[in-house]
């Protein structure tokens, strides 16, 4: 059960990081930096 919760959290975090990256791609920061910063914030 805890493995399922861990996988769900991991997938949800990755999805949120991609969404933040997509938002950042339309701004000056760019996709890569926005994605990287959101992944670091998840840790």
N, C-alpha and C. Protein backbone atom coordinates (compact mmCIF):
# COMPACT_ATOMS: atom_id res chain seq x y z
N UNK A 1 0.82 -1.20 0.00
CA UNK A 1 0.00 0.00 0.00
C UNK A 1 0.86 1.26 0.00
N UNK A 2 1.93 1.27 0.79
CA UNK A 2 2.77 2.46 0.85
C UNK A 2 3.53 2.66 -0.46
N UNK A 3 3.81 1.57 -1.18
CA UNK A 3 4.48 1.71 -2.48
C UNK A 3 3.55 2.40 -3.47
N UNK A 4 2.28 2.08 -3.40
CA UNK A 4 1.30 2.72 -4.27
C UNK A 4 1.19 4.21 -3.98
N UNK A 5 1.19 4.57 -2.71
CA UNK A 5 1.13 5.98 -2.32
C UNK A 5 2.39 6.70 -2.77
N UNK A 6 3.55 6.05 -2.64
CA UNK A 6 4.81 6.64 -3.08
C UNK A 6 4.80 6.87 -4.58
N UNK A 7 4.34 5.88 -5.36
CA UNK A 7 4.30 6.04 -6.81
C UNK A 7 3.33 7.13 -7.23
N UNK A 8 2.20 7.22 -6.56
CA UNK A 8 1.25 8.29 -6.86
C UNK A 8 1.85 9.66 -6.58
N UNK A 9 2.54 9.79 -5.46
CA UNK A 9 3.19 11.06 -5.13
C UNK A 9 4.27 11.42 -6.12
N UNK A 10 5.03 10.42 -6.54
CA UNK A 10 6.09 10.65 -7.52
C UNK A 10 5.53 11.10 -8.86
N UNK A 11 4.48 10.42 -9.32
CA UNK A 11 3.85 10.80 -10.59
C UNK A 11 3.18 12.16 -10.52
N UNK A 12 2.54 12.45 -9.40
CA UNK A 12 1.89 13.75 -9.23
C UNK A 12 2.93 14.87 -9.21
N UNK A 13 4.05 14.63 -8.53
CA UNK A 13 5.12 15.62 -8.49
C UNK A 13 5.72 15.86 -9.86
N UNK A 14 5.92 14.79 -10.63
CA UNK A 14 6.45 14.95 -11.99
C UNK A 14 5.48 15.70 -12.88
N UNK A 15 4.21 15.40 -12.74
CA UNK A 15 3.20 16.10 -13.54
C UNK A 15 3.18 17.59 -13.20
N UNK A 16 3.24 17.91 -11.93
CA UNK A 16 3.27 19.32 -11.53
C UNK A 16 4.53 20.02 -12.02
N UNK A 17 5.66 19.31 -12.01
CA UNK A 17 6.91 19.90 -12.50
C UNK A 17 6.81 20.19 -14.00
N UNK A 18 6.19 19.30 -14.75
CA UNK A 18 6.02 19.53 -16.19
C UNK A 18 5.08 20.71 -16.43
N UNK A 19 4.02 20.81 -15.65
CA UNK A 19 3.09 21.94 -15.80
C UNK A 19 3.80 23.26 -15.52
N UNK A 20 4.61 23.28 -14.46
CA UNK A 20 5.38 24.50 -14.15
C UNK A 20 6.35 24.80 -15.28
N UNK A 21 6.96 23.77 -15.84
CA UNK A 21 7.87 23.97 -16.97
C UNK A 21 7.16 24.54 -18.18
N UNK A 22 5.97 24.06 -18.45
CA UNK A 22 5.21 24.59 -19.58
C UNK A 22 4.82 26.04 -19.37
N UNK A 23 4.47 26.38 -18.15
CA UNK A 23 4.17 27.78 -17.85
C UNK A 23 5.43 28.63 -18.02
N UNK A 24 6.57 28.10 -17.56
CA UNK A 24 7.82 28.84 -17.69
C UNK A 24 8.31 28.97 -19.12
N UNK A 25 7.88 28.07 -20.01
CA UNK A 25 8.32 28.15 -21.39
C UNK A 25 7.79 29.39 -22.11
N UNK A 26 6.69 29.93 -21.63
CA UNK A 26 6.12 31.14 -22.22
C UNK A 26 6.68 32.40 -21.59
N UNK A 27 7.57 32.23 -20.64
CA UNK A 27 8.14 33.37 -19.94
C UNK A 27 9.64 33.43 -20.19
N UNK A 28 10.27 34.39 -19.60
CA UNK A 28 11.69 34.64 -19.83
C UNK A 28 12.58 33.51 -19.29
N UNK A 29 12.11 32.83 -18.24
CA UNK A 29 12.93 31.81 -17.59
C UNK A 29 13.12 30.57 -18.46
N UNK A 30 12.14 30.23 -19.27
CA UNK A 30 12.23 29.07 -20.15
C UNK A 30 11.80 27.78 -19.47
N UNK A 31 11.56 26.76 -20.29
CA UNK A 31 11.06 25.49 -19.78
C UNK A 31 12.08 24.80 -18.88
N UNK A 32 13.32 24.72 -19.31
CA UNK A 32 14.34 23.97 -18.59
C UNK A 32 14.57 24.48 -17.18
N UNK A 33 14.74 25.78 -17.04
CA UNK A 33 15.00 26.33 -15.71
C UNK A 33 13.78 26.21 -14.81
N UNK A 34 12.59 26.45 -15.37
CA UNK A 34 11.38 26.35 -14.56
C UNK A 34 11.17 24.90 -14.10
N UNK A 35 11.42 23.95 -15.00
CA UNK A 35 11.29 22.54 -14.65
C UNK A 35 12.30 22.15 -13.58
N UNK A 36 13.55 22.58 -13.77
CA UNK A 36 14.60 22.24 -12.82
C UNK A 36 14.32 22.82 -11.43
N UNK A 37 13.90 24.06 -11.39
CA UNK A 37 13.59 24.69 -10.11
C UNK A 37 12.40 24.03 -9.42
N UNK A 38 11.40 23.60 -10.19
CA UNK A 38 10.26 22.95 -9.57
C UNK A 38 10.62 21.56 -9.06
N UNK A 39 11.52 20.85 -9.74
CA UNK A 39 11.96 19.54 -9.26
C UNK A 39 12.78 19.71 -7.98
N UNK A 40 13.64 20.72 -7.94
CA UNK A 40 14.43 20.97 -6.73
C UNK A 40 13.51 21.36 -5.57
N UNK A 41 12.47 22.10 -5.85
CA UNK A 41 11.52 22.50 -4.80
C UNK A 41 10.77 21.30 -4.25
N UNK A 42 10.58 20.28 -5.07
CA UNK A 42 9.89 19.07 -4.60
C UNK A 42 10.74 18.29 -3.62
N UNK A 43 12.05 18.39 -3.73
CA UNK A 43 12.93 17.65 -2.84
C UNK A 43 12.92 18.31 -1.49
